[in-house]
PDB file of N, CA and C in Angstrom:
ATOM      1  N   UNK A   1       0.825  -1.189   0.000  1.00  0.00           N
ATOM      2  CA  UNK A   1       0.000   0.000   0.000  1.00  0.00           C
ATOM      3  C   UNK A   1       0.871   1.255   0.000  1.00  0.00           C
ATOM      4  N   UNK A   2       1.861   1.280   0.892  1.00  0.00           N
ATOM      5  CA  UNK A   2       2.748   2.441   0.967  1.00  0.00           C
ATOM      6  C   UNK A   2       3.555   2.581  -0.323  1.00  0.00           C
ATOM      7  N   UNK A   3       3.883   1.433  -0.930  1.00  0.00           N
ATOM      8  CA  UNK A   3       4.650   1.470  -2.176  1.00  0.00           C
ATOM      9  C   UNK A   3       3.813   2.080  -3.302  1.00  0.00           C
ATOM     10  N   UNK A   4       2.512   1.773  -3.330  1.00  0.00           N
ATOM     11  CA  UNK A   4       1.633   2.326  -4.350  1.00  0.00           C
ATOM     12  C   UNK A   4       1.493   3.831  -4.187  1.00  0.00           C
ATOM     13  N   UNK A   5       1.402   4.282  -2.945  1.00  0.00           N
ATOM     14  CA  UNK A   5       1.284   5.709  -2.682  1.00  0.00           C
ATOM     15  C   UNK A   5       2.545   6.429  -3.124  1.00  0.00           C
ATOM     16  N   UNK A   6       3.727   5.866  -2.850  1.00  0.00           N
ATOM     17  CA  UNK A   6       4.965   6.527  -3.243  1.00  0.00           C
ATOM     18  C   UNK A   6       5.119   6.529  -4.753  1.00  0.00           C
ATOM     19  N   UNK A   7       4.683   5.458  -5.441  1.00  0.00           N
ATOM     20  CA  UNK A   7       4.741   5.441  -6.897  1.00  0.00           C
ATOM     21  C   UNK A   7       3.792   6.474  -7.480  1.00  0.00           C
ATOM     22  N   UNK A   8       2.608   6.602  -6.869  1.00  0.00           N
ATOM     23  CA  UNK A   8       1.627   7.577  -7.327  1.00  0.00           C
ATOM     24  C   UNK A   8       2.160   8.994  -7.152  1.00  0.00           C
ATOM     25  N   UNK A   9       2.775   9.274  -6.017  1.00  0.00           N
ATOM     26  CA  UNK A   9       3.302  10.621  -5.792  1.00  0.00           C
ATOM     27  C   UNK A   9       4.488  10.902  -6.702  1.00  0.00           C
ATOM     28  N   UNK A  10       5.311   9.901  -7.011  1.00  0.00           N
ATOM     29  CA  UNK A  10       6.416  10.098  -7.947  1.00  0.00           C
ATOM     30  C   UNK A  10       5.888  10.415  -9.337  1.00  0.00           C
ATOM     31  N   UNK A  11       4.819   9.752  -9.757  1.00  0.00           N
ATOM     32  CA  UNK A  11       4.214  10.029 -11.056  1.00  0.00           C
ATOM     33  C   UNK A  11       3.631  11.428 -11.116  1.00  0.00           C
ATOM     34  N   UNK A  12       3.013  11.848 -10.023  1.00  0.00           N
ATOM     35  CA  UNK A  12       2.434  13.190  -9.986  1.00  0.00           C
ATOM     36  C   UNK A  12       3.515  14.258 -10.001  1.00  0.00           C
ATOM     37  N   UNK A  13       4.612  14.032  -9.278  1.00  0.00           N
ATOM     38  CA  UNK A  13       5.676  15.034  -9.253  1.00  0.00           C
ATOM     39  C   UNK A  13       6.379  15.105 -10.610  1.00  0.00           C
ATOM     40  N   UNK A  14       6.513  13.957 -11.286  1.00  0.00           N
ATOM     41  CA  UNK A  14       7.119  13.975 -12.618  1.00  0.00           C
ATOM     42  C   UNK A  14       6.205  14.697 -13.599  1.00  0.00           C
ATOM     43  N   UNK A  15       4.895  14.474 -13.483  1.00  0.00           N
ATOM     44  CA  UNK A  15       3.935  15.147 -14.354  1.00  0.00           C
ATOM     45  C   UNK A  15       3.940  16.655 -14.088  1.00  0.00           C
ATOM     46  N   UNK A  16       3.999  17.036 -12.823  1.00  0.00           N
ATOM     47  CA  UNK A  16       4.045  18.457 -12.469  1.00  0.00           C
ATOM     48  C   UNK A  16       5.330  19.093 -13.007  1.00  0.00           C
ATOM     49  N   UNK A  17       6.442  18.374 -12.916  1.00  0.00           N
ATOM     50  CA  UNK A  17       7.711  18.871 -13.428  1.00  0.00           C
ATOM     51  C   UNK A  17       7.645  19.076 -14.945  1.00  0.00           C
ATOM     52  N   UNK A  18       6.988  18.134 -15.641  1.00  0.00           N
ATOM     53  CA  UNK A  18       6.825  18.282 -17.091  1.00  0.00           C
ATOM     54  C   UNK A  18       5.984  19.502 -17.425  1.00  0.00           C
ATOM     55  N   UNK A  19       4.903  19.716 -16.658  1.00  0.00           N
ATOM     56  CA  UNK A  19       4.035  20.872 -16.911  1.00  0.00           C
ATOM     57  C   UNK A  19       4.782  22.184 -16.664  1.00  0.00           C
ATOM     58  N   UNK A  20       5.552  22.227 -15.606  1.00  0.00           N
ATOM     59  CA  UNK A  20       6.316  23.442 -15.304  1.00  0.00           C
ATOM     60  C   UNK A  20       7.330  23.713 -16.411  1.00  0.00           C
ATOM     61  N   UNK A  21       8.009  22.667 -16.859  1.00  0.00           N
ATOM     62  CA  UNK A  21       8.978  22.820 -17.956  1.00  0.00           C
ATOM     63  C   UNK A  21       8.287  23.297 -19.223  1.00  0.00           C
ATOM     64  N   UNK A  22       7.123  22.712 -19.516  1.00  0.00           N
ATOM     65  CA  UNK A  22       6.367  23.117 -20.701  1.00  0.00           C
ATOM     66  C   UNK A  22       5.960  24.587 -20.609  1.00  0.00           C
ATOM     67  N   UNK A  23       5.489  25.010 -19.447  1.00  0.00           N
ATOM     68  CA  UNK A  23       5.085  26.403 -19.268  1.00  0.00           C
ATOM     69  C   UNK A  23       6.275  27.351 -19.404  1.00  0.00           C
ATOM     70  N   UNK A  24       7.408  26.985 -18.847  1.00  0.00           N
ATOM     71  CA  UNK A  24       8.588  27.848 -18.931  1.00  0.00           C
ATOM     72  C   UNK A  24       9.101  27.959 -20.365  1.00  0.00           C
ATOM     73  N   UNK A  25       9.108  26.851 -21.092  1.00  0.00           N
ATOM     74  CA  UNK A  25       9.544  26.893 -22.496  1.00  0.00           C
ATOM     75  C   UNK A  25       8.581  27.733 -23.322  1.00  0.00           C
ATOM     76  N   UNK A  26       7.286  27.537 -23.108  1.00  0.00           N
ATOM     77  CA  UNK A  26       6.289  28.329 -23.841  1.00  0.00           C
ATOM     78  C   UNK A  26       6.423  29.812 -23.520  1.00  0.00           C
ATOM     79  N   UNK A  27       6.654  30.114 -22.253  1.00  0.00           N
ATOM     80  CA  UNK A  27       6.826  31.511 -21.855  1.00  0.00           C
ATOM     81  C   UNK A  27       8.049  32.113 -22.536  1.00  0.00           C
ATOM     82  N   UNK A  28       9.135  31.363 -22.589  1.00  0.00           N
ATOM     83  CA  UNK A  28      10.349  31.856 -23.242  1.00  0.00           C
ATOM     84  C   UNK A  28      10.106  32.091 -24.737  1.00  0.00           C
ATOM     85  N   UNK A  29       9.383  31.186 -25.378  1.00  0.00           N
ATOM     86  CA  UNK A  29       9.077  31.367 -26.804  1.00  0.00           C
ATOM     87  C   UNK A  29       8.199  32.602 -27.000  1.00  0.00           C
ATOM     88  N   UNK A  30       7.253  32.826 -26.101  1.00  0.00           N
ATOM     89  CA  UNK A  30       6.395  34.013 -26.204  1.00  0.00           C
ATOM     90  C   UNK A  30       7.197  35.298 -26.036  1.00  0.00           C
ATOM     91  N   UNK A  31       8.156  35.284 -25.139  1.00  0.00           N
ATOM     92  CA  UNK A  31       9.026  36.452 -24.957  1.00  0.00           C
ATOM     93  C   UNK A  31       9.839  36.698 -26.222  1.00  0.00           C
ATOM     94  N   UNK A  32      10.350  35.643 -26.827  1.00  0.00           N
ATOM     95  CA  UNK A  32      11.123  35.776 -28.066  1.00  0.00           C
ATOM     96  C   UNK A  32      10.241  36.320 -29.193  1.00  0.00           C
ATOM     97  N   UNK A  33       9.003  35.828 -29.309  1.00  0.00           N
ATOM     98  CA  UNK A  33       8.087  36.331 -30.337  1.00  0.00           C
ATOM     99  C   UNK A  33       7.778  37.817 -30.122  1.00  0.00           C
ATOM    100  N   UNK A  34       7.571  38.199 -28.867  1.00  0.00           N
ATOM    101  CA  UNK A  34       7.306  39.606 -28.562  1.00  0.00           C
ATOM    102  C   UNK A  34       8.525  40.469 -28.873  1.00  0.00           C
ATOM    103  N   UNK A  35       9.706  39.991 -28.508  1.00  0.00           N
ATOM    104  CA  UNK A  35      10.934  40.741 -28.791  1.00  0.00           C
ATOM    105  C   UNK A  35      11.160  40.856 -30.297  1.00  0.00           C
ATOM    106  N   UNK A  36      10.859  39.800 -31.038  1.00  0.00           N
ATOM    107  CA  UNK A  36      11.018  39.840 -32.497  1.00  0.00           C
ATOM    108  C   UNK A  36      10.066  40.857 -33.111  1.00  0.00           C
ATOM    109  N   UNK A  37       8.831  40.898 -32.627  1.00  0.00           N
ATOM    110  CA  UNK A  37       7.867  41.874 -33.134  1.00  0.00           C
ATOM    111  C   UNK A  37       8.316  43.296 -32.801  1.00  0.00           C
ATOM    112  N   UNK A  38       8.786  43.503 -31.591  1.00  0.00           N
ATOM    113  CA  UNK A  38       9.262  44.832 -31.201  1.00  0.00           C
ATOM    114  C   UNK A  38      10.461  45.244 -32.043  1.00  0.00           C
ATOM    115  N   UNK A  39      11.393  44.338 -32.237  1.00  0.00           N
ATOM    116  CA  UNK A  39      12.584  44.628 -33.039  1.00  0.00           C
ATOM    117  C   UNK A  39      12.202  44.956 -34.483  1.00  0.00           C
ATOM    118  N   UNK A  40      11.236  44.229 -35.009  1.00  0.00           N
ATOM    119  CA  UNK A  40      10.785  44.463 -36.375  1.00  0.00           C
ATOM    120  C   UNK A  40      10.196  45.858 -36.539  1.00  0.00           C
ATOM    121  N   UNK A  41       9.447  46.298 -35.543  1.00  0.00           N
ATOM    122  CA  UNK A  41       8.816  47.618 -35.617  1.00  0.00           C
ATOM    123  C   UNK A  41       9.806  48.728 -35.274  1.00  0.00           C
ATOM    124  N   UNK A  42      10.679  48.502 -34.303  1.00  0.00           N
ATOM    125  CA  UNK A  42      11.573  49.551 -33.826  1.00  0.00           C
ATOM    126  C   UNK A  42      12.710  49.860 -34.800  1.00  0.00           C
ATOM    127  N   UNK A  43      13.060  48.884 -35.637  1.00  0.00           N
ATOM    128  CA  UNK A  43      14.140  49.098 -36.592  1.00  0.00           C
ATOM    129  C   UNK A  43      13.584  48.988 -38.012  1.00  0.00           C
ATOM    130  N   UNK A  44      14.377  49.368 -38.964  1.00  0.00           N
ATOM    131  CA  UNK A  44      13.967  49.274 -40.371  1.00  0.00           C
ATOM    132  C   UNK A  44      14.561  48.026 -41.011  1.00  0.00           C
ATOM    133  N   UNK A  45      14.373  46.896 -40.370  1.00  0.00           N
ATOM    134  CA  UNK A  45      14.935  45.643 -40.859  1.00  0.00           C
ATOM    135  C   UNK A  45      14.170  45.140 -42.080  1.00  0.00           C
ATOM    136  N   UNK A  46      12.856  45.236 -42.026  1.00  0.00           N
ATOM    137  CA  UNK A  46      12.017  44.728 -43.114  1.00  0.00           C
ATOM    138  C   UNK A  46      11.378  45.899 -43.860  1.00  0.00           C
ATOM    139  N   UNK A  47      11.049  45.686 -45.125  1.00  0.00           N
ATOM    140  CA  UNK A  47      10.322  46.726 -45.869  1.00  0.00           C
ATOM    141  C   UNK A  47       8.960  46.993 -45.219  1.00  0.00           C
ATOM    142  N   UNK A  48       8.467  48.209 -45.392  1.00  0.00           N
ATOM    143  CA  UNK A  48       7.225  48.604 -44.727  1.00  0.00           C
ATOM    144  C   UNK A  48       6.038  47.729 -45.107  1.00  0.00           C
ATOM    145  N   UNK A  49       5.993  47.273 -46.336  1.00  0.00           N
ATOM    146  CA  UNK A  49       4.841  46.482 -46.771  1.00  0.00           C
ATOM    147  C   UNK A  49       4.855  45.061 -46.192  1.00  0.00           C
ATOM    148  N   UNK A  50       5.955  44.633 -45.600  1.00  0.00           N
ATOM    149  CA  UNK A  50       6.026  43.300 -44.991  1.00  0.00           C
ATOM    150  C   UNK A  50       5.849  43.319 -43.475  1.00  0.00           C
ATOM    151  N   UNK A  51       5.897  44.486 -42.871  1.00  0.00           N
ATOM    152  CA  UNK A  51       5.855  44.565 -41.412  1.00  0.00           C
ATOM    153  C   UNK A  51       4.513  44.061 -40.870  1.00  0.00           C
ATOM    154  N   UNK A  52       3.404  44.537 -41.412  1.00  0.00           N
ATOM    155  CA  UNK A  52       2.099  44.136 -40.908  1.00  0.00           C
ATOM    156  C   UNK A  52       1.840  42.635 -41.076  1.00  0.00           C
ATOM    157  N   UNK A  53       2.079  42.045 -42.247  1.00  0.00           N
ATOM    158  CA  UNK A  53       1.863  40.585 -42.341  1.00  0.00           C
ATOM    159  C   UNK A  53       2.735  39.771 -41.394  1.00  0.00           C
ATOM    160  N   UNK A  54       3.977  40.173 -41.215  1.00  0.00           N
ATOM    161  CA  UNK A  54       4.861  39.439 -40.297  1.00  0.00           C
ATOM    162  C   UNK A  54       4.373  39.596 -38.859  1.00  0.00           C
ATOM    163  N   UNK A  55       3.930  40.794 -38.487  1.00  0.00           N
ATOM    164  CA  UNK A  55       3.389  40.997 -37.145  1.00  0.00           C
ATOM    165  C   UNK A  55       2.143  40.155 -36.916  1.00  0.00           C
ATOM    166  N   UNK A  56       1.282  40.070 -37.915  1.00  0.00           N
ATOM    167  CA  UNK A  56       0.077  39.255 -37.782  1.00  0.00           C
ATOM    168  C   UNK A  56       0.423  37.776 -37.634  1.00  0.00           C
ATOM    169  N   UNK A  57       1.410  37.312 -38.360  1.00  0.00           N
ATOM    170  CA  UNK A  57       1.838  35.918 -38.242  1.00  0.00           C
ATOM    171  C   UNK A  57       2.432  35.660 -36.861  1.00  0.00           C
ATOM    172  N   UNK A  58       3.285  36.560 -36.395  1.00  0.00           N
ATOM    173  CA  UNK A  58       3.865  36.403 -35.052  1.00  0.00           C
ATOM    174  C   UNK A  58       2.772  36.432 -33.979  1.00  0.00           C
ATOM    175  N   UNK A  59       1.803  37.318 -34.148  1.00  0.00           N
ATOM    176  CA  UNK A  59       0.688  37.398 -33.199  1.00  0.00           C
ATOM    177  C   UNK A  59      -0.156  36.134 -33.203  1.00  0.00           C
ATOM    178  N   UNK A  60      -0.433  35.588 -34.395  1.00  0.00           N
ATOM    179  CA  UNK A  60      -1.216  34.355 -34.483  1.00  0.00           C
ATOM    180  C   UNK A  60      -0.478  33.188 -33.836  1.00  0.00           C
ATOM    181  N   UNK A  61       0.831  33.117 -34.058  1.00  0.00           N
ATOM    182  CA  UNK A  61       1.621  32.063 -33.408  1.00  0.00           C
ATOM    183  C   UNK A  61       1.538  32.179 -31.888  1.00  0.00           C
ATOM    184  N   UNK A  62       1.619  33.391 -31.409  1.00  0.00           N
ATOM    185  CA  UNK A  62       1.580  33.603 -29.967  1.00  0.00           C
ATOM    186  C   UNK A  62       0.197  33.271 -29.397  1.00  0.00           C
ATOM    187  N   UNK A  63      -0.858  33.603 -30.121  1.00  0.00           N
ATOM    188  CA  UNK A  63      -2.213  33.278 -29.653  1.00  0.00           C
ATOM    189  C   UNK A  63      -2.394  31.773 -29.533  1.00  0.00           C
ATOM    190  N   UNK A  64      -1.996  31.033 -30.564  1.00  0.00           N
ATOM    191  CA  UNK A  64      -2.149  29.583 -30.498  1.00  0.00           C
ATOM    192  C   UNK A  64      -1.260  28.965 -29.418  1.00  0.00           C
ATOM    193  N   UNK A  65      -0.088  29.495 -29.255  1.00  0.00           N
ATOM    194  CA  UNK A  65       0.797  28.996 -28.203  1.00  0.00           C
ATOM    195  C   UNK A  65       0.169  29.221 -26.833  1.00  0.00           C
ATOM    196  N   UNK A  66      -0.433  30.392 -26.627  1.00  0.00           N
ATOM    197  CA  UNK A  66      -1.076  30.673 -25.347  1.00  0.00           C
ATOM    198  C   UNK A  66      -2.315  29.809 -25.146  1.00  0.00           C
ATOM    199  N   UNK A  67      -3.072  29.578 -26.218  1.00  0.00           N
ATOM    200  CA  UNK A  67      -4.258  28.730 -26.084  1.00  0.00           C
ATOM    201  C   UNK A  67      -3.884  27.318 -25.656  1.00  0.00           C
ATOM    202  N   UNK A  68      -2.869  26.760 -26.271  1.00  0.00           N
ATOM    203  CA  UNK A  68      -2.512  25.387 -25.957  1.00  0.00           C
ATOM    204  C   UNK A  68      -1.719  25.274 -24.657  1.00  0.00           C
ATOM    205  N   UNK A  69      -1.031  26.330 -24.260  1.00  0.00           N
ATOM    206  CA  UNK A  69      -0.248  26.263 -23.026  1.00  0.00           C
ATOM    207  C   UNK A  69      -1.090  26.605 -21.807  1.00  0.00           C
ATOM    208  N   UNK A  70      -1.754  27.740 -21.842  1.00  0.00           N
ATOM    209  CA  UNK A  70      -2.437  28.220 -20.645  1.00  0.00           C
ATOM    210  C   UNK A  70      -3.911  27.868 -20.598  1.00  0.00           C
ATOM    211  N   UNK A  71      -4.533  27.570 -21.740  1.00  0.00           N
ATOM    212  CA  UNK A  71      -5.930  27.134 -21.748  1.00  0.00           C
ATOM    213  C   UNK A  71      -6.036  25.614 -21.767  1.00  0.00           C
ATOM    214  N   UNK A  72      -4.894  24.923 -21.797  1.00  0.00           N
ATOM    215  CA  UNK A  72      -4.820  23.462 -21.717  1.00  0.00           C
ATOM    216  C   UNK A  72      -5.630  22.777 -22.814  1.00  0.00           C
ATOM    217  N   UNK A  73      -5.589  23.306 -24.026  1.00  0.00           N
ATOM    218  CA  UNK A  73      -6.333  22.709 -25.128  1.00  0.00           C
ATOM    219  C   UNK A  73      -5.687  21.432 -25.649  1.00  0.00           C
ATOM    220  N   UNK A  74      -4.500  21.116 -25.172  1.00  0.00           N
ATOM    221  CA  UNK A  74      -3.853  19.878 -25.600  1.00  0.00           C
ATOM    222  C   UNK A  74      -4.258  18.689 -24.720  1.00  0.00           C
ATOM    223  N   UNK A  75      -5.107  18.923 -23.737  1.00  0.00           N
ATOM    224  CA  UNK A  75      -5.540  17.839 -22.864  1.00  0.00           C
ATOM    225  C   UNK A  75      -6.813  17.199 -23.397  1.00  0.00           C
ATOM    226  N   UNK A  76      -7.089  15.989 -22.966  1.00  0.00           N
ATOM    227  CA  UNK A  76      -8.285  15.280 -23.388  1.00  0.00           C
ATOM    228  C   UNK A  76      -9.523  15.917 -22.762  1.00  0.00           C
ATOM    229  N   UNK A  77     -10.644  15.792 -23.447  1.00  0.00           N
ATOM    230  CA  UNK A  77     -11.905  16.285 -22.912  1.00  0.00           C
ATOM    231  C   UNK A  77     -12.139  17.760 -23.131  1.00  0.00           C
ATOM    232  N   UNK A  78     -11.411  18.358 -24.053  1.00  0.00           N
ATOM    233  CA  UNK A  78     -11.583  19.790 -24.290  1.00  0.00           C
ATOM    234  C   UNK A  78     -12.204  20.071 -25.655  1.00  0.00           C
ATOM    235  N   UNK A  79     -12.839  19.073 -26.264  1.00  0.00           N
ATOM    236  CA  UNK A  79     -13.422  19.265 -27.596  1.00  0.00           C
ATOM    237  C   UNK A  79     -14.498  20.343 -27.572  1.00  0.00           C
ATOM    238  N   UNK A  80     -15.300  20.376 -26.515  1.00  0.00           N
ATOM    239  CA  UNK A  80     -16.358  21.380 -26.394  1.00  0.00           C
ATOM    240  C   UNK A  80     -15.773  22.784 -26.412  1.00  0.00           C
ATOM    241  N   UNK A  81     -14.698  22.983 -25.679  1.00  0.00           N
ATOM    242  CA  UNK A  81     -14.062  24.297 -25.630  1.00  0.00           C
ATOM    243  C   UNK A  81     -13.386  24.635 -26.946  1.00  0.00           C
ATOM    244  N   UNK A  82     -12.801  23.644 -27.582  1.00  0.00           N
ATOM    245  CA  UNK A  82     -12.150  23.869 -28.873  1.00  0.00           C
ATOM    246  C   UNK A  82     -13.142  24.357 -29.903  1.00  0.00           C
ATOM    247  N   UNK A  83     -14.345  23.785 -29.905  1.00  0.00           N
ATOM    248  CA  UNK A  83     -15.371  24.199 -30.864  1.00  0.00           C
ATOM    249  C   UNK A  83     -15.683  25.678 -30.686  1.00  0.00           C
ATOM    250  N   UNK A  84     -15.863  26.111 -29.453  1.00  0.00           N
ATOM    251  CA  UNK A  84     -16.182  27.512 -29.209  1.00  0.00           C
ATOM    252  C   UNK A  84     -15.013  28.428 -29.528  1.00  0.00           C
ATOM    253  N   UNK A  85     -13.805  28.006 -29.249  1.00  0.00           N
ATOM    254  CA  UNK A  85     -12.641  28.830 -29.561  1.00  0.00           C
ATOM    255  C   UNK A  85     -12.462  28.955 -31.073  1.00  0.00           C
ATOM    256  N   UNK A  86     -12.617  27.843 -31.792  1.00  0.00           N
ATOM    257  CA  UNK A  86     -12.506  27.891 -33.249  1.00  0.00           C
ATOM    258  C   UNK A  86     -13.616  28.764 -33.831  1.00  0.00           C
ATOM    259  N   UNK A  87     -14.827  28.645 -33.308  1.00  0.00           N
ATOM    260  CA  UNK A  87     -15.927  29.491 -33.783  1.00  0.00           C
ATOM    261  C   UNK A  87     -15.624  30.970 -33.507  1.00  0.00           C
ATOM    262  N   UNK A  88     -15.074  31.259 -32.333  1.00  0.00           N
ATOM    263  CA  UNK A  88     -14.714  32.648 -32.014  1.00  0.00           C
ATOM    264  C   UNK A  88     -13.632  33.181 -32.929  1.00  0.00           C
ATOM    265  N   UNK A  89     -12.642  32.357 -33.224  1.00  0.00           N
ATOM    266  CA  UNK A  89     -11.585  32.778 -34.156  1.00  0.00           C
ATOM    267  C   UNK A  89     -12.168  33.015 -35.538  1.00  0.00           C
ATOM    268  N   UNK A  90     -13.073  32.132 -35.970  1.00  0.00           N
ATOM    269  CA  UNK A  90     -13.715  32.293 -37.279  1.00  0.00           C
ATOM    270  C   UNK A  90     -14.477  33.615 -37.353  1.00  0.00           C
ATOM    271  N   UNK A  91     -15.282  33.911 -36.337  1.00  0.00           N
ATOM    272  CA  UNK A  91     -16.039  35.158 -36.341  1.00  0.00           C
ATOM    273  C   UNK A  91     -15.117  36.372 -36.261  1.00  0.00           C
ATOM    274  N   UNK A  92     -14.032  36.273 -35.528  1.00  0.00           N
ATOM    275  CA  UNK A  92     -13.075  37.378 -35.456  1.00  0.00           C
ATOM    276  C   UNK A  92     -12.440  37.625 -36.817  1.00  0.00           C
ATOM    277  N   UNK A  93     -12.085  36.546 -37.521  1.00  0.00           N
ATOM    278  CA  UNK A  93     -11.495  36.691 -38.853  1.00  0.00           C
ATOM    279  C   UNK A  93     -12.505  37.317 -39.805  1.00  0.00           C
ATOM    280  N   UNK A  94     -13.756  36.883 -39.741  1.00  0.00           N
ATOM    281  CA  UNK A  94     -14.803  37.455 -40.599  1.00  0.00           C
ATOM    282  C   UNK A  94     -14.956  38.949 -40.312  1.00  0.00           C
ATOM    283  N   UNK A  95     -14.949  39.320 -39.039  1.00  0.00           N
ATOM    284  CA  UNK A  95     -15.078  40.740 -38.683  1.00  0.00           C
ATOM    285  C   UNK A  95     -13.887  41.556 -39.179  1.00  0.00           C
ATOM    286  N   UNK A  96     -12.686  41.037 -39.020  1.00  0.00           N
ATOM    287  CA  UNK A  96     -11.491  41.764 -39.453  1.00  0.00           C
ATOM    288  C   UNK A  96     -11.489  41.918 -40.964  1.00  0.00           C
ATOM    289  N   UNK A  97     -11.830  40.859 -41.684  1.00  0.00           N
ATOM    290  CA  UNK A  97     -11.890  40.953 -43.143  1.00  0.00           C
ATOM    291  C   UNK A  97     -12.963  41.943 -43.561  1.00  0.00           C
ATOM    292  N   UNK A  98     -14.101  41.925 -42.888  1.00  0.00           N
ATOM    293  CA  UNK A  98     -15.159  42.883 -43.190  1.00  0.00           C
ATOM    294  C   UNK A  98     -14.730  44.319 -42.959  1.00  0.00           C
ATOM    295  N   UNK A  99     -13.985  44.553 -41.891  1.00  0.00           N
ATOM    296  CA  UNK A  99     -13.501  45.911 -41.612  1.00  0.00           C
ATOM    297  C   UNK A  99     -12.503  46.357 -42.674  1.00  0.00           C
ATOM    298  N   UNK A 100     -11.613  45.444 -43.094  1.00  0.00           N
ATOM    299  CA  UNK A 100     -10.636  45.813 -44.112  1.00  0.00           C
ATOM    300  C   UNK A 100     -11.284  46.068 -45.461  1.00  0.00           C
ATOM    301  N   UNK A 101     -12.391  45.404 -45.756  1.00  0.00           N
ATOM    302  CA  UNK A 101     -13.051  45.582 -47.046  1.00  0.00           C
ATOM    303  C   UNK A 101     -13.961  46.798 -47.083  1.00  0.00           C
ATOM    304  N   UNK A 102     -14.244  47.395 -45.947  1.00  0.00           N
ATOM    305  CA  UNK A 102     -15.140  48.572 -45.921  1.00  0.00           C
ATOM    306  C   UNK A 102     -14.486  49.780 -46.507  1.00  0.00           C
TER     307      UNK A 102
END
């Protein structure tokens, strides 16, 4: 019985360690994406007509990274939430395209 409890706690601590590592790596990638966007805007590295598309791509990468890291969309049983998030992204894209076409 005591052996099962210690094995269970070892599994939980290893899982917690993996989650912490995953969060720290994701956070570091988000910081790098933010720094890249800032550097792109603050300097004249890219032509002006490429700045907005690159910023949008960097922003989209960061949004998906945050959804899967902090909203736990990579876990089982989140299909219901995924449907609503995808629907929200779809409506946001429709609204943005509509605003640009006006």
